[in-house]
Amino acid sequence: MNLIYPAIFHYEDGGYWCEFPDLDGCFTQGDSDLEVVENAKEALEGYIISILERNEDLPEPSAIKSLDAGKDDFLTYVSCDISNSGKFVRKNVTLPEWLSRRAEKASINFSQTLQESLFQKLGIMPQKTVAV
């Protein structure tokens, strides 16, 4: 599941730091603009997973046009895919044989399909499309 949030990147004292206005306490830094953008993706992923592990709702992302950046700052969206994050566990499932054969014939990825269904069933859906 791909999630996208706006971030403000600040240049200060020869380095960069980043904040996510919608995610209280989610910050990162880097020595270059490329490094801080890369670190922002990792920070976003960890923050989102921690929210979900605490059984909390994800905040809606702000529209990037509603945010202001300073003279030496820049705004951009940062995305992360949490479906491939963290520790994985193996689950045994039972399906009707005919359904299993049909899904295999259609080359359906059982793990991905179960993940998508669980995201939906638990209400852990991507936010509304952000306005740009």
N, C-alpha and C. Protein backbone atom coordinates (compact mmCIF):
# COMPACT_ATOMS: atom_id res chain seq x y z
N MET A 1 0.84 -1.16 0.00
CA MET A 1 0.00 0.00 0.00
C MET A 1 0.89 1.23 0.00
N ASN A 2 0.72 2.05 -1.01
CA ASN A 2 1.53 3.25 -1.17
C ASN A 2 0.83 4.44 -0.49
N LEU A 3 1.53 5.12 0.38
CA LEU A 3 1.01 6.29 1.08
C LEU A 3 1.84 7.51 0.71
N ILE A 4 1.18 8.65 0.58
CA ILE A 4 1.84 9.88 0.15
C ILE A 4 1.48 11.01 1.10
N TYR A 5 2.50 11.70 1.60
CA TYR A 5 2.30 12.86 2.47
C TYR A 5 3.21 14.00 2.00
N PRO A 6 2.75 15.25 2.17
CA PRO A 6 3.61 16.38 1.83
C PRO A 6 4.67 16.58 2.91
N ALA A 7 5.82 17.06 2.48
CA ALA A 7 6.92 17.32 3.40
C ALA A 7 7.54 18.67 3.07
N ILE A 8 8.02 19.32 4.11
CA ILE A 8 8.75 20.59 3.95
C ILE A 8 10.20 20.32 4.27
N PHE A 9 11.08 20.68 3.34
CA PHE A 9 12.51 20.48 3.50
C PHE A 9 13.17 21.83 3.74
N HIS A 10 13.97 21.88 4.78
CA HIS A 10 14.61 23.13 5.21
C HIS A 10 16.12 23.02 5.04
N TYR A 11 16.73 24.12 4.57
CA TYR A 11 18.19 24.21 4.49
C TYR A 11 18.66 25.06 5.65
N GLU A 12 19.59 24.52 6.43
CA GLU A 12 20.04 25.22 7.63
C GLU A 12 21.44 24.76 8.01
N ASP A 13 22.33 25.68 8.27
CA ASP A 13 23.68 25.38 8.74
C ASP A 13 24.41 24.35 7.87
N GLY A 14 24.27 24.46 6.56
CA GLY A 14 24.99 23.58 5.63
C GLY A 14 24.38 22.21 5.45
N GLY A 15 23.22 21.97 6.04
CA GLY A 15 22.55 20.67 5.90
C GLY A 15 21.06 20.85 5.74
N TYR A 16 20.36 19.76 5.65
CA TYR A 16 18.92 19.78 5.43
C TYR A 16 18.20 19.02 6.53
N TRP A 17 16.99 19.46 6.82
CA TRP A 17 16.10 18.69 7.69
C TRP A 17 14.70 18.76 7.10
N CYS A 18 13.89 17.79 7.45
CA CYS A 18 12.58 17.64 6.84
C CYS A 18 11.53 17.43 7.92
N GLU A 19 10.36 17.99 7.69
CA GLU A 19 9.22 17.77 8.58
C GLU A 19 7.98 17.42 7.75
N PHE A 20 7.10 16.66 8.36
CA PHE A 20 5.82 16.30 7.75
C PHE A 20 4.74 17.02 8.54
N PRO A 21 4.14 18.08 7.98
CA PRO A 21 3.17 18.88 8.73
C PRO A 21 1.98 18.08 9.28
N ASP A 22 1.61 17.00 8.63
CA ASP A 22 0.46 16.20 9.07
C ASP A 22 0.83 15.12 10.08
N LEU A 23 2.12 14.93 10.32
CA LEU A 23 2.58 13.84 11.17
C LEU A 23 3.41 14.41 12.31
N ASP A 24 2.76 14.70 13.40
CA ASP A 24 3.40 15.34 14.55
C ASP A 24 4.61 14.55 15.04
N GLY A 25 5.77 15.19 15.00
CA GLY A 25 6.99 14.55 15.50
C GLY A 25 7.75 13.74 14.47
N CYS A 26 7.31 13.76 13.22
CA CYS A 26 8.02 13.01 12.17
C CYS A 26 9.01 13.95 11.48
N PHE A 27 10.29 13.76 11.77
CA PHE A 27 11.37 14.59 11.25
C PHE A 27 12.51 13.70 10.78
N THR A 28 13.36 14.25 9.94
CA THR A 28 14.61 13.60 9.59
C THR A 28 15.58 14.66 9.10
N GLN A 29 16.81 14.26 8.81
CA GLN A 29 17.81 15.22 8.33
C GLN A 29 18.75 14.52 7.36
N GLY A 30 19.57 15.32 6.70
CA GLY A 30 20.57 14.78 5.79
C GLY A 30 21.58 15.84 5.41
N ASP A 31 22.74 15.41 4.94
CA ASP A 31 23.80 16.34 4.57
C ASP A 31 23.56 17.00 3.22
N SER A 32 22.78 16.33 2.35
CA SER A 32 22.49 16.88 1.02
C SER A 32 20.99 16.81 0.77
N ASP A 33 20.55 17.51 -0.28
CA ASP A 33 19.12 17.46 -0.61
C ASP A 33 18.69 16.04 -0.99
N LEU A 34 19.53 15.32 -1.69
CA LEU A 34 19.19 13.95 -2.07
C LEU A 34 19.13 13.02 -0.86
N GLU A 35 20.08 13.19 0.06
CA GLU A 35 20.10 12.35 1.25
C GLU A 35 18.88 12.59 2.13
N VAL A 36 18.48 13.84 2.31
CA VAL A 36 17.33 14.13 3.17
C VAL A 36 16.03 13.62 2.54
N VAL A 37 15.92 13.66 1.22
CA VAL A 37 14.73 13.12 0.56
C VAL A 37 14.67 11.60 0.76
N GLU A 38 15.80 10.94 0.61
CA GLU A 38 15.87 9.49 0.84
C GLU A 38 15.54 9.16 2.29
N ASN A 39 16.08 9.92 3.23
CA ASN A 39 15.81 9.70 4.64
C ASN A 39 14.34 9.98 4.98
N ALA A 40 13.73 10.92 4.26
CA ALA A 40 12.33 11.27 4.50
C ALA A 40 11.42 10.09 4.19
N LYS A 41 11.73 9.37 3.14
CA LYS A 41 10.93 8.19 2.79
C LYS A 41 11.01 7.15 3.91
N GLU A 42 12.19 6.93 4.42
CA GLU A 42 12.40 5.97 5.50
C GLU A 42 11.71 6.43 6.79
N ALA A 43 11.79 7.73 7.09
CA ALA A 43 11.13 8.26 8.28
C ALA A 43 9.62 8.14 8.17
N LEU A 44 9.08 8.43 6.99
CA LEU A 44 7.64 8.32 6.76
C LEU A 44 7.17 6.88 6.97
N GLU A 45 7.90 5.95 6.40
CA GLU A 45 7.55 4.53 6.52
C GLU A 45 7.52 4.09 7.99
N GLY A 46 8.56 4.42 8.73
CA GLY A 46 8.62 4.05 10.14
C GLY A 46 7.51 4.69 10.96
N TYR A 47 7.23 5.94 10.67
CA TYR A 47 6.19 6.67 11.41
C TYR A 47 4.82 6.06 11.14
N ILE A 48 4.52 5.78 9.86
CA ILE A 48 3.23 5.18 9.49
C ILE A 48 3.06 3.82 10.16
N ILE A 49 4.09 3.00 10.11
CA ILE A 49 4.00 1.68 10.73
C ILE A 49 3.77 1.80 12.23
N SER A 50 4.42 2.77 12.88
CA SER A 50 4.22 2.94 14.32
C SER A 50 2.79 3.36 14.63
N ILE A 51 2.18 4.19 13.80
CA ILE A 51 0.78 4.58 13.98
C ILE A 51 -0.12 3.35 13.87
N LEU A 52 0.10 2.55 12.85
CA LEU A 52 -0.73 1.36 12.63
C LEU A 52 -0.53 0.32 13.73
N GLU A 53 0.70 0.17 14.21
CA GLU A 53 0.95 -0.78 15.30
C GLU A 53 0.26 -0.37 16.59
N ARG A 54 0.03 0.94 16.77
CA ARG A 54 -0.68 1.44 17.95
C ARG A 54 -2.20 1.45 17.72
N ASN A 55 -2.61 0.93 16.57
CA ASN A 55 -4.03 0.83 16.24
C ASN A 55 -4.69 2.20 16.10
N GLU A 56 -3.94 3.19 15.64
CA GLU A 56 -4.46 4.54 15.46
C GLU A 56 -4.78 4.77 13.99
N ASP A 57 -5.61 5.77 13.73
CA ASP A 57 -5.97 6.13 12.36
C ASP A 57 -4.89 7.00 11.74
N LEU A 58 -4.69 6.82 10.45
CA LEU A 58 -3.74 7.65 9.72
C LEU A 58 -4.37 9.01 9.45
N PRO A 59 -3.63 10.09 9.66
CA PRO A 59 -4.17 11.41 9.37
C PRO A 59 -4.28 11.63 7.85
N GLU A 60 -5.24 12.45 7.48
CA GLU A 60 -5.38 12.81 6.07
C GLU A 60 -4.21 13.71 5.67
N PRO A 61 -3.65 13.51 4.48
CA PRO A 61 -2.57 14.39 4.02
C PRO A 61 -3.12 15.74 3.59
N SER A 62 -2.37 16.78 3.87
CA SER A 62 -2.74 18.13 3.42
C SER A 62 -2.47 18.28 1.94
N ALA A 63 -3.17 19.19 1.32
CA ALA A 63 -2.85 19.56 -0.06
C ALA A 63 -1.57 20.37 -0.02
N ILE A 64 -0.67 20.08 -0.91
CA ILE A 64 0.64 20.74 -0.89
C ILE A 64 0.50 22.26 -1.11
N LYS A 65 -0.53 22.67 -1.84
CA LYS A 65 -0.76 24.10 -2.09
C LYS A 65 -1.18 24.85 -0.84
N SER A 66 -1.63 24.12 0.17
CA SER A 66 -2.05 24.77 1.41
C SER A 66 -0.87 25.02 2.36
N LEU A 67 0.32 24.57 1.98
CA LEU A 67 1.51 24.70 2.82
C LEU A 67 2.43 25.78 2.28
N ASP A 68 3.18 26.38 3.19
CA ASP A 68 4.15 27.41 2.81
C ASP A 68 5.56 26.95 3.15
N ALA A 69 6.48 27.29 2.27
CA ALA A 69 7.90 27.00 2.51
C ALA A 69 8.65 28.32 2.53
N GLY A 70 9.69 28.38 3.33
CA GLY A 70 10.51 29.57 3.41
C GLY A 70 11.38 29.74 2.17
N LYS A 71 12.15 30.81 2.14
CA LYS A 71 12.98 31.16 0.99
C LYS A 71 13.96 30.05 0.59
N ASP A 72 14.62 29.44 1.56
CA ASP A 72 15.60 28.39 1.27
C ASP A 72 15.02 26.98 1.42
N ASP A 73 13.70 26.89 1.54
CA ASP A 73 13.04 25.61 1.75
C ASP A 73 12.35 25.14 0.48
N PHE A 74 11.97 23.86 0.47
CA PHE A 74 11.17 23.36 -0.66
C PHE A 74 10.15 22.34 -0.17
N LEU A 75 9.06 22.25 -0.92
CA LEU A 75 7.96 21.33 -0.62
C LEU A 75 7.91 20.24 -1.67
N THR A 76 7.61 19.04 -1.24
CA THR A 76 7.37 17.95 -2.19
C THR A 76 6.58 16.87 -1.48
N TYR A 77 6.03 15.97 -2.28
CA TYR A 77 5.37 14.81 -1.70
C TYR A 77 6.41 13.71 -1.49
N VAL A 78 6.23 12.96 -0.41
CA VAL A 78 7.07 11.80 -0.13
C VAL A 78 6.14 10.59 -0.03
N SER A 79 6.53 9.51 -0.68
CA SER A 79 5.70 8.31 -0.65
C SER A 79 6.47 7.14 -0.05
N CYS A 80 5.71 6.20 0.48
CA CYS A 80 6.30 4.96 0.98
C CYS A 80 5.31 3.83 0.75
N ASP A 81 5.83 2.66 0.58
CA ASP A 81 5.01 1.46 0.38
C ASP A 81 5.18 0.58 1.60
N ILE A 82 4.17 0.56 2.47
CA ILE A 82 4.29 -0.20 3.71
C ILE A 82 3.95 -1.68 3.54
N SER A 83 3.49 -2.08 2.37
CA SER A 83 3.14 -3.49 2.18
C SER A 83 4.38 -4.38 2.16
N ASN A 84 5.55 -3.81 1.97
CA ASN A 84 6.78 -4.60 1.96
C ASN A 84 7.70 -4.23 3.12
N SER A 85 7.11 -3.71 4.19
CA SER A 85 7.90 -3.23 5.33
C SER A 85 7.74 -4.12 6.54
N GLY A 86 8.76 -4.12 7.36
CA GLY A 86 8.69 -4.82 8.63
C GLY A 86 8.91 -6.31 8.50
N LYS A 87 8.66 -6.98 9.59
CA LYS A 87 8.82 -8.42 9.68
C LYS A 87 7.62 -9.10 9.02
N PHE A 88 7.85 -10.22 8.38
CA PHE A 88 6.78 -10.96 7.73
C PHE A 88 6.51 -12.25 8.49
N VAL A 89 5.27 -12.67 8.50
CA VAL A 89 4.88 -13.93 9.13
C VAL A 89 4.16 -14.79 8.10
N ARG A 90 4.31 -16.06 8.25
CA ARG A 90 3.66 -17.01 7.35
C ARG A 90 2.31 -17.38 7.94
N LYS A 91 1.27 -17.36 7.09
CA LYS A 91 -0.08 -17.73 7.51
C LYS A 91 -0.58 -18.86 6.63
N ASN A 92 -1.23 -19.81 7.25
CA ASN A 92 -1.82 -20.92 6.54
C ASN A 92 -3.30 -20.60 6.31
N VAL A 93 -3.78 -20.71 5.08
CA VAL A 93 -5.19 -20.42 4.80
C VAL A 93 -5.83 -21.64 4.15
N THR A 94 -7.14 -21.70 4.28
CA THR A 94 -7.89 -22.79 3.68
C THR A 94 -8.85 -22.20 2.65
N LEU A 95 -8.79 -22.75 1.43
CA LEU A 95 -9.64 -22.29 0.33
C LEU A 95 -10.31 -23.49 -0.32
N PRO A 96 -11.45 -23.27 -0.93
CA PRO A 96 -12.00 -24.34 -1.76
C PRO A 96 -11.01 -24.67 -2.88
N GLU A 97 -10.84 -25.93 -3.16
CA GLU A 97 -9.86 -26.36 -4.16
C GLU A 97 -10.11 -25.71 -5.51
N TRP A 98 -11.37 -25.63 -5.94
CA TRP A 98 -11.69 -25.04 -7.24
C TRP A 98 -11.27 -23.58 -7.30
N LEU A 99 -11.41 -22.85 -6.16
CA LEU A 99 -11.04 -21.44 -6.11
C LEU A 99 -9.52 -21.28 -6.18
N SER A 100 -8.82 -22.15 -5.47
CA SER A 100 -7.36 -22.12 -5.49
C SER A 100 -6.83 -22.37 -6.89
N ARG A 101 -7.37 -23.39 -7.56
CA ARG A 101 -6.92 -23.71 -8.93
C ARG A 101 -7.19 -22.54 -9.88
N ARG A 102 -8.38 -21.97 -9.75
CA ARG A 102 -8.73 -20.85 -10.64
C ARG A 102 -7.81 -19.65 -10.41
N ALA A 103 -7.52 -19.36 -9.15
CA ALA A 103 -6.63 -18.24 -8.83
C ALA A 103 -5.21 -18.50 -9.33
N GLU A 104 -4.73 -19.72 -9.15
CA GLU A 104 -3.39 -20.07 -9.65
C GLU A 104 -3.33 -19.94 -11.17
N LYS A 105 -4.38 -20.39 -11.84
CA LYS A 105 -4.43 -20.29 -13.30
C LYS A 105 -4.42 -18.83 -13.76
N ALA A 106 -5.00 -17.95 -12.95
CA ALA A 106 -5.03 -16.52 -13.26
C ALA A 106 -3.76 -15.81 -12.77
N SER A 107 -2.80 -16.57 -12.24
CA SER A 107 -1.52 -16.02 -11.73
C SER A 107 -1.72 -14.98 -10.64
N ILE A 108 -2.68 -15.23 -9.76
CA ILE A 108 -2.95 -14.32 -8.66
C ILE A 108 -1.94 -14.58 -7.54
N ASN A 109 -1.37 -13.51 -7.03
CA ASN A 109 -0.44 -13.58 -5.91
C ASN A 109 -1.27 -13.65 -4.63
N PHE A 110 -1.28 -14.82 -3.97
CA PHE A 110 -2.12 -15.03 -2.80
C PHE A 110 -1.73 -14.09 -1.65
N SER A 111 -0.44 -13.91 -1.41
CA SER A 111 0.01 -13.05 -0.31
C SER A 111 -0.42 -11.61 -0.54
N GLN A 112 -0.22 -11.11 -1.75
CA GLN A 112 -0.60 -9.74 -2.06
C GLN A 112 -2.11 -9.56 -1.94
N THR A 113 -2.87 -10.52 -2.43
CA THR A 113 -4.32 -10.43 -2.36
C THR A 113 -4.81 -10.44 -0.91
N LEU A 114 -4.22 -11.28 -0.07
CA LEU A 114 -4.60 -11.31 1.34
C LEU A 114 -4.25 -10.00 2.02
N GLN A 115 -3.06 -9.45 1.72
CA GLN A 115 -2.68 -8.16 2.30
C GLN A 115 -3.67 -7.08 1.92
N GLU A 116 -4.00 -6.99 0.63
CA GLU A 116 -4.93 -5.97 0.15
C GLU A 116 -6.29 -6.12 0.83
N SER A 117 -6.75 -7.35 0.97
CA SER A 117 -8.04 -7.60 1.62
C SER A 117 -8.01 -7.20 3.09
N LEU A 118 -6.90 -7.50 3.77
CA LEU A 118 -6.79 -7.13 5.18
C LEU A 118 -6.71 -5.62 5.36
N PHE A 119 -5.97 -4.93 4.48
CA PHE A 119 -5.95 -3.46 4.53
C PHE A 119 -7.36 -2.91 4.43
N GLN A 120 -8.12 -3.44 3.47
CA GLN A 120 -9.48 -2.96 3.25
C GLN A 120 -10.39 -3.32 4.43
N LYS A 121 -10.34 -4.55 4.88
CA LYS A 121 -11.20 -5.03 5.96
C LYS A 121 -10.94 -4.27 7.26
N LEU A 122 -9.68 -3.92 7.52
CA LEU A 122 -9.30 -3.21 8.74
C LEU A 122 -9.43 -1.70 8.61
N GLY A 123 -9.80 -1.23 7.42
CA GLY A 123 -9.95 0.21 7.21
C GLY A 123 -8.63 0.93 7.09
N ILE A 124 -7.58 0.20 6.73
CA ILE A 124 -6.26 0.81 6.55
C ILE A 124 -6.10 1.06 5.06
N MET A 125 -6.84 2.00 4.58
CA MET A 125 -6.84 2.28 3.15
C MET A 125 -6.01 3.53 2.89
N PRO A 126 -5.48 3.64 1.67
CA PRO A 126 -4.80 4.89 1.32
C PRO A 126 -5.78 6.05 1.47
N GLN A 127 -5.25 7.20 1.86
CA GLN A 127 -6.07 8.38 2.01
C GLN A 127 -6.65 8.78 0.66
N LYS A 128 -7.56 9.72 0.73
CA LYS A 128 -8.11 10.30 -0.49
C LYS A 128 -6.95 10.85 -1.31
N THR A 129 -7.15 10.92 -2.62
CA THR A 129 -6.12 11.49 -3.46
C THR A 129 -5.88 12.92 -3.03
N VAL A 130 -4.62 13.27 -2.87
CA VAL A 130 -4.30 14.62 -2.42
C VAL A 130 -4.45 15.60 -3.56
N ALA A 131 -4.92 16.78 -3.25
CA ALA A 131 -5.09 17.81 -4.28
C ALA A 131 -3.75 18.48 -4.55
N VAL A 132 -3.39 18.58 -5.81
CA VAL A 132 -2.13 19.25 -6.17
C VAL A 132 -2.38 20.52 -6.91
